[in-house]
Amino acid sequence: MMHLYNRVDKRLLKERLNAENKKRRTISFYKYAHIDDPHVFRNHLYEILSSICVFGRVYVSYEGVNGQISVFEDKIDALRETLNMIDFLRDVRFNFAIEDDGKSFYKLKIKVRDKIVADGLNDDTFDVTNRGVHLSAKAFNELTDRDDAIVIDMRNHYESEVGHFKKAILPDVETFREALPVVLDTIKDDREKHIVMYCTGGIRCEKASAYFKHKGFRNVYQLDGGIIEYARQVEQEGLDNKFIGKNFVFDERLGERITENVIASCHQCGAPCDTHTNCANDECHILFIQCDACREKYRGCCSEKCEEFNALDEDQKASLKGRVEFNGTKFGKGRYKAHKKDDHLDT
């Protein structure tokens, strides 16, 4: 009988992934749909994806599916055929990663959530299918050249910090839930203008565009397929690339380069850098930007305090667990700027 969740230690799983000699591709997909029993659907999806050695993270809810996965390159057709057996996923768009070594995921994790993207909205109050006009990369470029167009980044601040479209409004938020009211307040007097939104793969804009139309905005657009599809079309069609920097992604890579521009800086020394990492101290694990020099200096940690804690033996760590406050317990994602202040472990 197949176990419907992973039971193997992550270190072993990562070793197995690194030892694979077949190339994997990273793919994201989503679909809004009505699912009567997400738990039953989740188990079915786990079985069929496991059967073709898919890794990744998939969210299932009553409103649909949101997946970021990796699959062997020679199994992409099998993946398509497998998903086509599910009516609402037939011919679902695959967004292929741009900068991809196939090491984005090391196991398959499928979770049932209230929503496939946490937005804090009451979907009963508006028509979520009345979404904005989808724009190709060419149409996006043409529309955003207009003086009456407002470009809005519907992602979080730590995503836009390393890369974004030119002229875009960049909400200083940590979650999509926070972004919606902030953006609404920012553009409340611009209801007659062309509101052009974008996100990583398009899923957040599907909901946001319907929400802003509900709020009275007449000309609402979204970048079809998000930054990932935009980058593909720009390269394929030889278009002007209006995106600068790196595209943040929610997998082991934490980013894929779109242009050579480095628009961010190391949170520890301030040097130009756009490499996100999680603090090597698992009791902290805060997301931050760290250059190679600081990675070596702090041994992958966000502070001297975390470096000192990580150097302790396991018994010492266990005795301090829950008693010491680290950056990951004090600050949200990307909020801590380690070069401003540092402290030490008080043992």
C-alpha atoms as a PDB file:
ATOM      1  CA  MET A   1       0.000   0.000   0.000  1.00  0.00           C
ATOM      2  CA  MET A   2       1.323   3.448  -0.935  1.00  0.00           C
ATOM      3  CA  HIS A   3       1.955   5.907   1.869  1.00  0.00           C
ATOM      4  CA  LEU A   4       0.336   9.222   0.976  1.00  0.00           C
ATOM      5  CA  TYR A   5       3.110  11.317   2.453  1.00  0.00           C
ATOM      6  CA  ASN A   6       6.897  11.191   2.705  1.00  0.00           C
ATOM      7  CA  ARG A   7       8.479   9.123   5.495  1.00  0.00           C
ATOM      8  CA  VAL A   8      12.163   9.524   4.626  1.00  0.00           C
ATOM      9  CA  ASP A   9      14.559  11.944   6.343  1.00  0.00           C
ATOM     10  CA  LYS A  10      15.134  15.100   4.269  1.00  0.00           C
ATOM     11  CA  ARG A  11      18.926  14.740   4.357  1.00  0.00           C
ATOM     12  CA  LEU A  12      18.669  11.352   2.686  1.00  0.00           C
ATOM     13  CA  LEU A  13      16.160  12.709   0.180  1.00  0.00           C
ATOM     14  CA  LYS A  14      18.512  15.537  -0.768  1.00  0.00           C
ATOM     15  CA  GLU A  15      21.380  13.078  -1.163  1.00  0.00           C
ATOM     16  CA  ARG A  16      19.214  10.975  -3.470  1.00  0.00           C
ATOM     17  CA  LEU A  17      18.256  14.042  -5.503  1.00  0.00           C
ATOM     18  CA  ASN A  18      21.879  15.104  -5.922  1.00  0.00           C
ATOM     19  CA  ALA A  19      22.791  11.586  -7.002  1.00  0.00           C
ATOM     20  CA  GLU A  20      20.170  11.473  -9.773  1.00  0.00           C
ATOM     21  CA  ASN A  21      21.711  11.315 -13.241  1.00  0.00           C
ATOM     22  CA  LYS A  22      18.511  12.165 -15.146  1.00  0.00           C
ATOM     23  CA  LYS A  23      17.588  15.784 -15.777  1.00  0.00           C
ATOM     24  CA  ARG A  24      14.531  17.251 -14.068  1.00  0.00           C
ATOM     25  CA  ARG A  25      12.485  20.295 -15.106  1.00  0.00           C
ATOM     26  CA  THR A  26      10.767  22.678 -12.685  1.00  0.00           C
ATOM     27  CA  ILE A  27       7.163  23.490 -13.579  1.00  0.00           C
ATOM     28  CA  SER A  28       4.436  25.562 -11.951  1.00  0.00           C
ATOM     29  CA  PHE A  29       0.722  25.390 -12.703  1.00  0.00           C
ATOM     30  CA  TYR A  30      -2.570  26.453 -11.163  1.00  0.00           C
ATOM     31  CA  LYS A  31      -6.269  26.244 -11.847  1.00  0.00           C
ATOM     32  CA  TYR A  32      -9.268  27.709 -10.088  1.00  0.00           C
ATOM     33  CA  ALA A  33     -12.045  25.102  -9.984  1.00  0.00           C
ATOM     34  CA  HIS A  34     -14.733  23.770  -7.658  1.00  0.00           C
ATOM     35  CA  ILE A  35     -13.497  20.666  -5.791  1.00  0.00           C
ATOM     36  CA  ASP A  36     -16.170  18.994  -3.680  1.00  0.00           C
ATOM     37  CA  ASP A  37     -13.842  17.002  -1.414  1.00  0.00           C
ATOM     38  CA  PRO A  38     -10.264  18.396  -1.395  1.00  0.00           C
ATOM     39  CA  HIS A  39      -9.009  15.636   0.925  1.00  0.00           C
ATOM     40  CA  VAL A  40     -10.095  12.832  -1.421  1.00  0.00           C
ATOM     41  CA  PHE A  41      -8.742  14.751  -4.401  1.00  0.00           C
ATOM     42  CA  ARG A  42      -5.469  15.395  -2.559  1.00  0.00           C
ATOM     43  CA  ASN A  43      -4.912  11.672  -1.978  1.00  0.00           C
ATOM     44  CA  HIS A  44      -5.730  10.830  -5.603  1.00  0.00           C
ATOM     45  CA  LEU A  45      -3.358  13.530  -6.843  1.00  0.00           C
ATOM     46  CA  TYR A  46      -0.587  12.276  -4.545  1.00  0.00           C
ATOM     47  CA  GLU A  47      -0.920   8.758  -5.908  1.00  0.00           C
ATOM     48  CA  ILE A  48      -0.850   9.690  -9.582  1.00  0.00           C
ATOM     49  CA  LEU A  49       1.994  12.203  -9.255  1.00  0.00           C
ATOM     50  CA  SER A  50       4.070   9.792  -7.163  1.00  0.00           C
ATOM     51  CA  SER A  51       3.647   7.158  -9.849  1.00  0.00           C
ATOM     52  CA  ILE A  52       5.731   9.283 -12.251  1.00  0.00           C
ATOM     53  CA  CYS A  53       8.293  10.401  -9.637  1.00  0.00           C
ATOM     54  CA  VAL A  54       7.077  13.997  -9.320  1.00  0.00           C
ATOM     55  CA  PHE A  55       8.566  16.121  -6.519  1.00  0.00           C
ATOM     56  CA  GLY A  56       7.241  19.468  -5.380  1.00  0.00           C
ATOM     57  CA  ARG A  57       4.708  21.365  -3.304  1.00  0.00           C
ATOM     58  CA  VAL A  58       1.022  21.402  -4.235  1.00  0.00           C
ATOM     59  CA  TYR A  59      -1.869  23.122  -2.471  1.00  0.00           C
ATOM     60  CA  VAL A  60      -5.411  21.831  -2.891  1.00  0.00           C
ATOM     61  CA  SER A  61      -8.586  23.557  -1.722  1.00  0.00           C
ATOM     62  CA  TYR A  62     -12.281  23.837  -2.509  1.00  0.00           C
ATOM     63  CA  GLU A  63     -11.339  26.551  -5.026  1.00  0.00           C
ATOM     64  CA  GLY A  64      -8.707  24.665  -7.029  1.00  0.00           C
ATOM     65  CA  VAL A  65      -5.054  23.606  -7.243  1.00  0.00           C
ATOM     66  CA  ASN A  66      -1.748  25.477  -7.074  1.00  0.00           C
ATOM     67  CA  GLY A  67       1.410  23.492  -7.790  1.00  0.00           C
ATOM     68  CA  GLN A  68       5.153  23.981  -8.076  1.00  0.00           C
ATOM     69  CA  ILE A  69       6.796  20.708  -9.038  1.00  0.00           C
ATOM     70  CA  SER A  70       9.771  19.054 -10.684  1.00  0.00           C
ATOM     71  CA  VAL A  71       9.610  16.063 -12.999  1.00  0.00           C
ATOM     72  CA  PHE A  72      12.104  14.090 -15.069  1.00  0.00           C
ATOM     73  CA  GLU A  73      12.448  15.669 -18.505  1.00  0.00           C
ATOM     74  CA  ASP A  74      11.473  12.420 -20.205  1.00  0.00           C
ATOM     75  CA  LYS A  75       8.312  12.257 -18.038  1.00  0.00           C
ATOM     76  CA  ILE A  76       6.839  15.646 -19.043  1.00  0.00           C
ATOM     77  CA  ASP A  77       4.521  14.038 -21.589  1.00  0.00           C
ATOM     78  CA  ALA A  78       3.458  11.488 -18.966  1.00  0.00           C
ATOM     79  CA  LEU A  79       2.773  14.351 -16.541  1.00  0.00           C
ATOM     80  CA  ARG A  80       0.576  16.056 -19.137  1.00  0.00           C
ATOM     81  CA  GLU A  81      -1.312  12.828 -19.827  1.00  0.00           C
ATOM     82  CA  THR A  82      -1.733  12.216 -16.098  1.00  0.00           C
ATOM     83  CA  LEU A  83      -3.172  15.672 -15.404  1.00  0.00           C
ATOM     84  CA  ASN A  84      -5.356  15.475 -18.513  1.00  0.00           C
ATOM     85  CA  MET A  85      -7.222  12.617 -16.846  1.00  0.00           C
ATOM     86  CA  ILE A  86      -8.589  15.257 -14.448  1.00  0.00           C
ATOM     87  CA  ASP A  87     -11.195  17.287 -16.353  1.00  0.00           C
ATOM     88  CA  PHE A  88     -10.463  20.720 -14.923  1.00  0.00           C
ATOM     89  CA  LEU A  89      -6.693  20.236 -15.339  1.00  0.00           C
ATOM     90  CA  ARG A  90      -6.916  19.227 -18.994  1.00  0.00           C
ATOM     91  CA  ASP A  91      -4.310  21.232 -20.946  1.00  0.00           C
ATOM     92  CA  VAL A  92      -3.511  23.365 -17.890  1.00  0.00           C
ATOM     93  CA  ARG A  93      -0.689  25.802 -18.623  1.00  0.00           C
ATOM     94  CA  PHE A  94       2.789  24.654 -17.599  1.00  0.00           C
ATOM     95  CA  ASN A  95       5.100  27.501 -16.602  1.00  0.00           C
ATOM     96  CA  PHE A  96       8.629  26.162 -17.078  1.00  0.00           C
ATOM     97  CA  ALA A  97      11.340  27.616 -14.837  1.00  0.00           C
ATOM     98  CA  ILE A  98      13.820  29.911 -16.545  1.00  0.00           C
ATOM     99  CA  GLU A  99      17.054  29.215 -14.652  1.00  0.00           C
ATOM    100  CA  ASP A 100      16.706  25.581 -13.660  1.00  0.00           C
ATOM    101  CA  ASP A 101      19.073  22.846 -12.535  1.00  0.00           C
ATOM    102  CA  GLY A 102      16.207  20.502 -11.684  1.00  0.00           C
ATOM    103  CA  LYS A 103      17.091  20.555  -7.976  1.00  0.00           C
ATOM    104  CA  SER A 104      14.158  22.707  -6.902  1.00  0.00           C
ATOM    105  CA  PHE A 105      12.394  20.039  -4.804  1.00  0.00           C
ATOM    106  CA  TYR A 106      13.484  16.813  -3.149  1.00  0.00           C
ATOM    107  CA  LYS A 107      10.112  15.299  -2.215  1.00  0.00           C
ATOM    108  CA  LEU A 108       6.400  15.529  -2.999  1.00  0.00           C
ATOM    109  CA  LYS A 109       4.241  17.411  -0.533  1.00  0.00           C
ATOM    110  CA  ILE A 110       0.517  17.981  -1.141  1.00  0.00           C
ATOM    111  CA  LYS A 111      -1.465  19.957   1.430  1.00  0.00           C
ATOM    112  CA  VAL A 112      -5.144  20.780   1.765  1.00  0.00           C
ATOM    113  CA  ARG A 113      -5.654  24.481   2.430  1.00  0.00           C
ATOM    114  CA  ASP A 114      -8.659  26.757   2.828  1.00  0.00           C
ATOM    115  CA  LYS A 115      -7.463  28.570  -0.305  1.00  0.00           C
ATOM    116  CA  ILE A 116      -4.798  27.897  -2.901  1.00  0.00           C
ATOM    117  CA  VAL A 117      -3.471  31.412  -2.213  1.00  0.00           C
ATOM    118  CA  ALA A 118      -4.187  33.064   1.146  1.00  0.00           C
ATOM    119  CA  ASP A 119      -5.951  36.331   0.276  1.00  0.00           C
ATOM    120  CA  GLY A 120      -8.255  37.090   3.234  1.00  0.00           C
ATOM    121  CA  LEU A 121     -11.192  37.740   0.875  1.00  0.00           C
ATOM    122  CA  ASN A 122     -14.778  36.587   1.152  1.00  0.00           C
ATOM    123  CA  ASP A 123     -15.284  35.063  -2.278  1.00  0.00           C
ATOM    124  CA  ASP A 124     -19.059  35.079  -1.819  1.00  0.00           C
ATOM    125  CA  THR A 125     -19.088  38.873  -2.113  1.00  0.00           C
ATOM    126  CA  PHE A 126     -17.834  39.055  -5.712  1.00  0.00           C
ATOM    127  CA  ASP A 127     -17.498  37.021  -8.896  1.00  0.00           C
ATOM    128  CA  VAL A 128     -14.002  35.523  -8.864  1.00  0.00           C
ATOM    129  CA  THR A 129     -14.376  34.459 -12.513  1.00  0.00           C
ATOM    130  CA  ASN A 130     -14.858  38.080 -13.675  1.00  0.00           C
ATOM    131  CA  ARG A 131     -11.107  38.532 -13.958  1.00  0.00           C
ATOM    132  CA  GLY A 132      -8.969  41.084 -15.751  1.00  0.00           C
ATOM    133  CA  VAL A 133      -7.894  40.961 -19.388  1.00  0.00           C
ATOM    134  CA  HIS A 134      -4.930  38.623 -19.941  1.00  0.00           C
ATOM    135  CA  LEU A 135      -1.929  40.226 -21.644  1.00  0.00           C
ATOM    136  CA  SER A 136       0.838  38.592 -23.639  1.00  0.00           C
ATOM    137  CA  ALA A 137       4.372  39.934 -23.180  1.00  0.00           C
ATOM    138  CA  LYS A 138       4.017  42.036 -26.352  1.00  0.00           C
ATOM    139  CA  ALA A 139       0.650  43.470 -25.253  1.00  0.00           C
ATOM    140  CA  PHE A 140       2.011  44.109 -21.756  1.00  0.00           C
ATOM    141  CA  ASN A 141       4.923  46.100 -23.156  1.00  0.00           C
ATOM    142  CA  GLU A 142       2.663  48.141 -25.405  1.00  0.00           C
ATOM    143  CA  LEU A 143       0.093  48.928 -22.713  1.00  0.00           C
ATOM    144  CA  THR A 144       2.617  49.805 -20.014  1.00  0.00           C
ATOM    145  CA  ASP A 145       4.226  52.328 -22.359  1.00  0.00           C
ATOM    146  CA  ARG A 146       1.066  54.425 -22.107  1.00  0.00           C
ATOM    147  CA  ASP A 147       0.956  57.398 -19.752  1.00  0.00           C
ATOM    148  CA  ASP A 148      -2.438  56.316 -18.398  1.00  0.00           C
ATOM    149  CA  ALA A 149      -1.229  52.843 -17.375  1.00  0.00           C
ATOM    150  CA  ILE A 150      -0.368  51.953 -13.779  1.00  0.00           C
ATOM    151  CA  VAL A 151       1.837  48.876 -13.292  1.00  0.00           C
ATOM    152  CA  ILE A 152       1.410  47.062  -9.985  1.00  0.00           C
ATOM    153  CA  ASP A 153       3.578  44.305  -8.533  1.00  0.00           C
ATOM    154  CA  MET A 154       1.209  41.988  -6.640  1.00  0.00           C
ATOM    155  CA  ARG A 155       4.068  40.156  -4.936  1.00  0.00           C
ATOM    156  CA  ASN A 156       5.688  40.657  -1.549  1.00  0.00           C
ATOM    157  CA  HIS A 157       8.498  43.104  -0.769  1.00  0.00           C
ATOM    158  CA  TYR A 158      11.212  40.442  -0.518  1.00  0.00           C
ATOM    159  CA  GLU A 159      10.277  39.278  -4.022  1.00  0.00           C
ATOM    160  CA  SER A 160      10.298  42.707  -5.659  1.00  0.00           C
ATOM    161  CA  GLU A 161      13.487  43.636  -3.770  1.00  0.00           C
ATOM    162  CA  VAL A 162      15.572  41.506  -6.129  1.00  0.00           C
ATOM    163  CA  GLY A 163      13.634  42.102  -9.351  1.00  0.00           C
ATOM    164  CA  HIS A 164      10.609  43.932 -10.760  1.00  0.00           C
ATOM    165  CA  PHE A 165       9.208  45.653 -13.829  1.00  0.00           C
ATOM    166  CA  LYS A 166      10.214  49.192 -14.637  1.00  0.00           C
ATOM    167  CA  LYS A 167       7.773  51.855 -13.357  1.00  0.00           C
ATOM    168  CA  ALA A 168       5.960  49.327 -11.141  1.00  0.00           C
ATOM    169  CA  ILE A 169       4.338  50.183  -7.816  1.00  0.00           C
ATOM    170  CA  LEU A 170       6.014  47.907  -5.243  1.00  0.00           C
ATOM    171  CA  PRO A 171       3.820  47.353  -2.148  1.00  0.00           C
ATOM    172  CA  ASP A 172       5.834  47.140   1.073  1.00  0.00           C
ATOM    173  CA  VAL A 173       4.071  44.004   2.319  1.00  0.00           C
ATOM    174  CA  GLU A 174       4.963  40.476   3.410  1.00  0.00           C
ATOM    175  CA  THR A 175       1.840  38.678   2.175  1.00  0.00           C
ATOM    176  CA  PHE A 176      -0.676  38.793  -0.653  1.00  0.00           C
ATOM    177  CA  ARG A 177      -3.375  39.280   1.967  1.00  0.00           C
ATOM    178  CA  GLU A 178      -1.685  42.537   3.030  1.00  0.00           C
ATOM    179  CA  ALA A 179      -1.114  43.661  -0.558  1.00  0.00           C
ATOM    180  CA  LEU A 180      -4.764  43.883  -1.600  1.00  0.00           C
ATOM    181  CA  PRO A 181      -5.858  46.727   0.763  1.00  0.00           C
ATOM    182  CA  VAL A 182      -2.523  48.534   0.358  1.00  0.00           C
ATOM    183  CA  VAL A 183      -2.825  48.535  -3.439  1.00  0.00           C
ATOM    184  CA  LEU A 184      -6.490  49.519  -3.275  1.00  0.00           C
ATOM    185  CA  ASP A 185      -5.632  52.554  -1.172  1.00  0.00           C
ATOM    186  CA  THR A 186      -2.739  53.465  -3.480  1.00  0.00           C
ATOM    187  CA  ILE A 187      -4.855  53.529  -6.661  1.00  0.00           C
ATOM    188  CA  LYS A 188      -8.240  54.578  -5.217  1.00  0.00           C
ATOM    189  CA  ASP A 189      -8.267  57.797  -7.288  1.00  0.00           C
ATOM    190  CA  ASP A 190      -7.227  56.097 -10.534  1.00  0.00           C
ATOM    191  CA  ARG A 191     -10.371  54.160 -11.450  1.00  0.00           C
ATOM    192  CA  GLU A 192     -10.367  55.334 -15.073  1.00  0.00           C
ATOM    193  CA  LYS A 193      -6.727  54.429 -15.716  1.00  0.00           C
ATOM    194  CA  HIS A 194      -5.428  51.131 -17.056  1.00  0.00           C
ATOM    195  CA  ILE A 195      -4.489  48.981 -14.052  1.00  0.00           C
ATOM    196  CA  VAL A 196      -1.887  46.401 -15.095  1.00  0.00           C
ATOM    197  CA  MET A 197      -0.917  43.760 -12.547  1.00  0.00           C
ATOM    198  CA  TYR A 198       1.702  41.031 -12.512  1.00  0.00           C
ATOM    199  CA  CYS A 199       3.014  38.321 -10.193  1.00  0.00           C
ATOM    200  CA  THR A 200       5.274  35.265 -10.468  1.00  0.00           C
ATOM    201  CA  GLY A 201       3.076  32.870 -12.453  1.00  0.00           C
ATOM    202  CA  GLY A 202      -0.283  34.617 -12.648  1.00  0.00           C
ATOM    203  CA  ILE A 203      -2.264  33.010  -9.831  1.00  0.00           C
ATOM    204  CA  ARG A 204      -2.343  36.003  -7.476  1.00  0.00           C
ATOM    205  CA  CYS A 205      -3.449  38.307 -10.289  1.00  0.00           C
ATOM    206  CA  GLU A 206      -6.347  36.000 -11.172  1.00  0.00           C
ATOM    207  CA  LYS A 207      -7.948  36.778  -7.824  1.00  0.00           C
ATOM    208  CA  ALA A 208      -6.677  40.364  -7.516  1.00  0.00           C
ATOM    209  CA  SER A 209      -7.986  41.425 -10.927  1.00  0.00           C
ATOM    210  CA  ALA A 210     -11.482  40.138 -10.116  1.00  0.00           C
ATOM    211  CA  TYR A 211     -11.338  41.899  -6.746  1.00  0.00           C
ATOM    212  CA  PHE A 212     -10.367  45.269  -8.245  1.00  0.00           C
ATOM    213  CA  LYS A 213     -13.057  44.989 -10.909  1.00  0.00           C
ATOM    214  CA  HIS A 214     -15.503  44.371  -8.076  1.00  0.00           C
ATOM    215  CA  LYS A 215     -14.192  47.548  -6.440  1.00  0.00           C
ATOM    216  CA  GLY A 216     -15.119  49.637  -9.485  1.00  0.00           C
ATOM    217  CA  PHE A 217     -11.990  49.676 -11.620  1.00  0.00           C
ATOM    218  CA  ARG A 218     -13.037  49.428 -15.250  1.00  0.00           C
ATOM    219  CA  ASN A 219      -9.777  48.745 -17.068  1.00  0.00           C
ATOM    220  CA  VAL A 220      -8.042  45.902 -15.266  1.00  0.00           C
ATOM    221  CA  TYR A 221      -5.348  43.736 -16.864  1.00  0.00           C
ATOM    222  CA  GLN A 222      -3.001  40.975 -15.780  1.00  0.00           C
ATOM    223  CA  LEU A 223       0.205  39.606 -17.247  1.00  0.00           C
ATOM    224  CA  ASP A 224      -0.760  36.177 -18.552  1.00  0.00           C
ATOM    225  CA  GLY A 225       1.484  33.521 -17.032  1.00  0.00           C
ATOM    226  CA  GLY A 226       3.248  36.098 -14.891  1.00  0.00           C
ATOM    227  CA  ILE A 227       6.959  36.882 -14.934  1.00  0.00           C
ATOM    228  CA  ILE A 228       7.871  33.296 -15.859  1.00  0.00           C
ATOM    229  CA  GLU A 229       5.858  33.277 -19.084  1.00  0.00           C
ATOM    230  CA  TYR A 230       6.828  36.874 -19.853  1.00  0.00           C
ATOM    231  CA  ALA A 231      10.532  35.999 -19.776  1.00  0.00           C
ATOM    232  CA  ARG A 232       9.946  33.043 -22.092  1.00  0.00           C
ATOM    233  CA  GLN A 233       7.993  35.108 -24.620  1.00  0.00           C
ATOM    234  CA  VAL A 234      10.505  37.964 -24.513  1.00  0.00           C
ATOM    235  CA  GLU A 235      13.345  35.608 -25.383  1.00  0.00           C
ATOM    236  CA  GLN A 236      11.366  33.657 -27.967  1.00  0.00           C
ATOM    237  CA  GLU A 237      10.004  36.735 -29.761  1.00  0.00           C
ATOM    238  CA  GLY A 238      12.985  39.052 -29.298  1.00  0.00           C
ATOM    239  CA  LEU A 239      10.977  41.651 -27.381  1.00  0.00           C
ATOM    240  CA  ASP A 240      12.233  44.485 -25.202  1.00  0.00           C
ATOM    241  CA  ASN A 241      12.620  43.144 -21.666  1.00  0.00           C
ATOM    242  CA  LYS A 242      11.024  45.541 -19.182  1.00  0.00           C
ATOM    243  CA  PHE A 243      11.828  43.330 -16.180  1.00  0.00           C
ATOM    244  CA  ILE A 244      15.047  44.049 -14.303  1.00  0.00           C
ATOM    245  CA  GLY A 245      16.876  41.680 -11.981  1.00  0.00           C
ATOM    246  CA  LYS A 246      15.860  38.340 -10.581  1.00  0.00           C
ATOM    247  CA  ASN A 247      12.546  36.516 -10.235  1.00  0.00           C
ATOM    248  CA  PHE A 248      12.042  35.192  -6.686  1.00  0.00           C
ATOM    249  CA  VAL A 249      10.667  31.642  -6.606  1.00  0.00           C
ATOM    250  CA  PHE A 250       9.291  29.584  -3.718  1.00  0.00           C
ATOM    251  CA  ASP A 251      11.458  26.498  -3.982  1.00  0.00           C
ATOM    252  CA  GLU A 252      14.990  25.424  -3.117  1.00  0.00           C
ATOM    253  CA  ARG A 253      16.435  27.820  -5.741  1.00  0.00           C
ATOM    254  CA  LEU A 254      14.864  30.974  -4.202  1.00  0.00           C
ATOM    255  CA  GLY A 255      15.359  32.819  -7.471  1.00  0.00           C
ATOM    256  CA  GLU A 256      15.972  32.665 -11.211  1.00  0.00           C
ATOM    257  CA  ARG A 257      17.858  35.321 -13.127  1.00  0.00           C
ATOM    258  CA  ILE A 258      15.952  37.302 -15.767  1.00  0.00           C
ATOM    259  CA  THR A 259      18.551  40.013 -16.453  1.00  0.00           C
ATOM    260  CA  GLU A 260      22.090  40.613 -15.238  1.00  0.00           C
ATOM    261  CA  ASN A 261      21.020  43.676 -13.210  1.00  0.00           C
ATOM    262  CA  VAL A 262      21.643  43.292  -9.471  1.00  0.00           C
ATOM    263  CA  ILE A 263      19.287  45.765  -7.819  1.00  0.00           C
ATOM    264  CA  ALA A 264      19.479  44.549  -4.209  1.00  0.00           C
ATOM    265  CA  SER A 265      22.231  44.463  -1.592  1.00  0.00           C
ATOM    266  CA  CYS A 266      23.553  42.063   1.020  1.00  0.00           C
ATOM    267  CA  HIS A 267      21.644  42.518   4.267  1.00  0.00           C
ATOM    268  CA  GLN A 268      24.864  42.069   6.237  1.00  0.00           C
ATOM    269  CA  CYS A 269      27.490  44.201   4.522  1.00  0.00           C
ATOM    270  CA  GLY A 270      25.521  46.214   1.968  1.00  0.00           C
ATOM    271  CA  ALA A 271      27.439  44.965  -1.075  1.00  0.00           C
ATOM    272  CA  PRO A 272      25.491  44.485  -4.334  1.00  0.00           C
ATOM    273  CA  CYS A 273      23.826  41.078  -4.071  1.00  0.00           C
ATOM    274  CA  ASP A 274      20.481  39.446  -4.868  1.00  0.00           C
ATOM    275  CA  THR A 275      20.998  35.934  -3.466  1.00  0.00           C
ATOM    276  CA  HIS A 276      18.343  34.960  -0.949  1.00  0.00           C
ATOM    277  CA  THR A 277      19.057  32.315   1.659  1.00  0.00           C
ATOM    278  CA  ASN A 278      17.587  31.008   4.886  1.00  0.00           C
ATOM    279  CA  CYS A 279      19.666  31.317   8.035  1.00  0.00           C
ATOM    280  CA  ALA A 280      21.642  28.116   8.651  1.00  0.00           C
ATOM    281  CA  ASN A 281      20.473  28.177  12.254  1.00  0.00           C
ATOM    282  CA  ASP A 282      17.266  26.131  12.033  1.00  0.00           C
ATOM    283  CA  GLU A 283      15.950  27.810  15.189  1.00  0.00           C
ATOM    284  CA  CYS A 284      16.035  31.103  13.244  1.00  0.00           C
ATOM    285  CA  HIS A 285      15.727  30.214   9.548  1.00  0.00           C
ATOM    286  CA  ILE A 286      14.940  33.822   8.565  1.00  0.00           C
ATOM    287  CA  LEU A 287      14.937  34.638   4.857  1.00  0.00           C
ATOM    288  CA  PHE A 288      17.522  37.271   3.953  1.00  0.00           C
ATOM    289  CA  ILE A 289      20.013  38.333   1.272  1.00  0.00           C
ATOM    290  CA  GLN A 290      23.621  37.265   1.807  1.00  0.00           C
ATOM    291  CA  CYS A 291      26.710  37.697  -0.379  1.00  0.00           C
ATOM    292  CA  ASP A 292      29.416  35.014  -0.721  1.00  0.00           C
ATOM    293  CA  ALA A 293      31.836  36.870   1.572  1.00  0.00           C
ATOM    294  CA  CYS A 294      29.283  37.145   4.386  1.00  0.00           C
ATOM    295  CA  ARG A 295      28.182  33.555   3.842  1.00  0.00           C
ATOM    296  CA  GLU A 296      31.744  32.473   4.548  1.00  0.00           C
ATOM    297  CA  LYS A 297      32.193  34.948   7.423  1.00  0.00           C
ATOM    298  CA  TYR A 298      28.952  34.013   9.205  1.00  0.00           C
ATOM    299  CA  ARG A 299      28.892  30.369   8.066  1.00  0.00           C
ATOM    300  CA  GLY A 300      25.545  30.848   6.339  1.00  0.00           C
ATOM    301  CA  CYS A 301      23.937  32.513   9.359  1.00  0.00           C
ATOM    302  CA  CYS A 302      22.180  35.877   9.531  1.00  0.00           C
ATOM    303  CA  SER A 303      24.057  37.092  12.602  1.00  0.00           C
ATOM    304  CA  GLU A 304      26.915  36.344  14.964  1.00  0.00           C
ATOM    305  CA  LYS A 305      24.342  35.215  17.500  1.00  0.00           C
ATOM    306  CA  CYS A 306      23.044  32.525  15.149  1.00  0.00           C
ATOM    307  CA  GLU A 307      26.588  31.548  14.164  1.00  0.00           C
ATOM    308  CA  GLU A 308      27.505  31.091  17.831  1.00  0.00           C
ATOM    309  CA  PHE A 309      24.377  29.030  18.481  1.00  0.00           C
ATOM    310  CA  ASN A 310      25.056  26.797  15.478  1.00  0.00           C
ATOM    311  CA  ALA A 311      28.567  26.068  16.793  1.00  0.00           C
ATOM    312  CA  LEU A 312      27.174  24.569  20.015  1.00  0.00           C
ATOM    313  CA  ASP A 313      26.803  20.830  20.435  1.00  0.00           C
ATOM    314  CA  GLU A 314      23.329  19.301  20.242  1.00  0.00           C
ATOM    315  CA  ASP A 315      22.894  19.064  24.024  1.00  0.00           C
ATOM    316  CA  GLN A 316      23.721  22.750  24.467  1.00  0.00           C
ATOM    317  CA  LYS A 317      21.313  23.679  21.677  1.00  0.00           C
ATOM    318  CA  ALA A 318      18.562  21.590  23.235  1.00  0.00           C
ATOM    319  CA  SER A 319      19.048  23.303  26.620  1.00  0.00           C
ATOM    320  CA  LEU A 320      18.644  26.742  24.990  1.00  0.00           C
ATOM    321  CA  LYS A 321      15.835  25.863  22.609  1.00  0.00           C
ATOM    322  CA  GLY A 322      12.820  28.079  23.180  1.00  0.00           C
ATOM    323  CA  ARG A 323      14.747  30.348  25.555  1.00  0.00           C
ATOM    324  CA  VAL A 324      16.702  32.355  22.995  1.00  0.00           C
ATOM    325  CA  GLU A 325      15.155  34.831  20.573  1.00  0.00           C
ATOM    326  CA  PHE A 326      16.633  34.910  17.079  1.00  0.00           C
ATOM    327  CA  ASN A 327      15.920  37.118  14.079  1.00  0.00           C
ATOM    328  CA  GLY A 328      13.492  34.550  12.720  1.00  0.00           C
ATOM    329  CA  THR A 329      11.311  34.927  15.792  1.00  0.00           C
ATOM    330  CA  LYS A 330      11.561  38.728  15.903  1.00  0.00           C
ATOM    331  CA  PHE A 331      11.242  39.783  12.281  1.00  0.00           C
ATOM    332  CA  GLY A 332       9.195  38.872   9.217  1.00  0.00           C
ATOM    333  CA  LYS A 333      10.630  37.703   5.922  1.00  0.00           C
ATOM    334  CA  GLY A 334      13.359  39.975   4.688  1.00  0.00           C
ATOM    335  CA  ARG A 335      12.639  42.607   7.353  1.00  0.00           C
ATOM    336  CA  TYR A 336      15.864  42.144   9.313  1.00  0.00           C
ATOM    337  CA  LYS A 337      18.793  44.143   7.945  1.00  0.00           C
ATOM    338  CA  ALA A 338      21.665  42.406   9.696  1.00  0.00           C
ATOM    339  CA  HIS A 339      24.307  44.998   8.805  1.00  0.00           C
ATOM    340  CA  LYS A 340      22.509  47.589  10.943  1.00  0.00           C
ATOM    341  CA  LYS A 341      22.814  45.781  14.262  1.00  0.00           C
ATOM    342  CA  ASP A 342      24.208  42.535  15.578  1.00  0.00           C
ATOM    343  CA  ASP A 343      24.148  40.831  18.955  1.00  0.00           C
ATOM    344  CA  HIS A 344      25.680  37.785  20.573  1.00  0.00           C
ATOM    345  CA  LEU A 345      24.484  34.621  22.229  1.00  0.00           C
ATOM    346  CA  ASP A 346      24.178  35.073  25.975  1.00  0.00           C
ATOM    347  CA  THR A 347      24.800  31.661  27.459  1.00  0.00           C
END
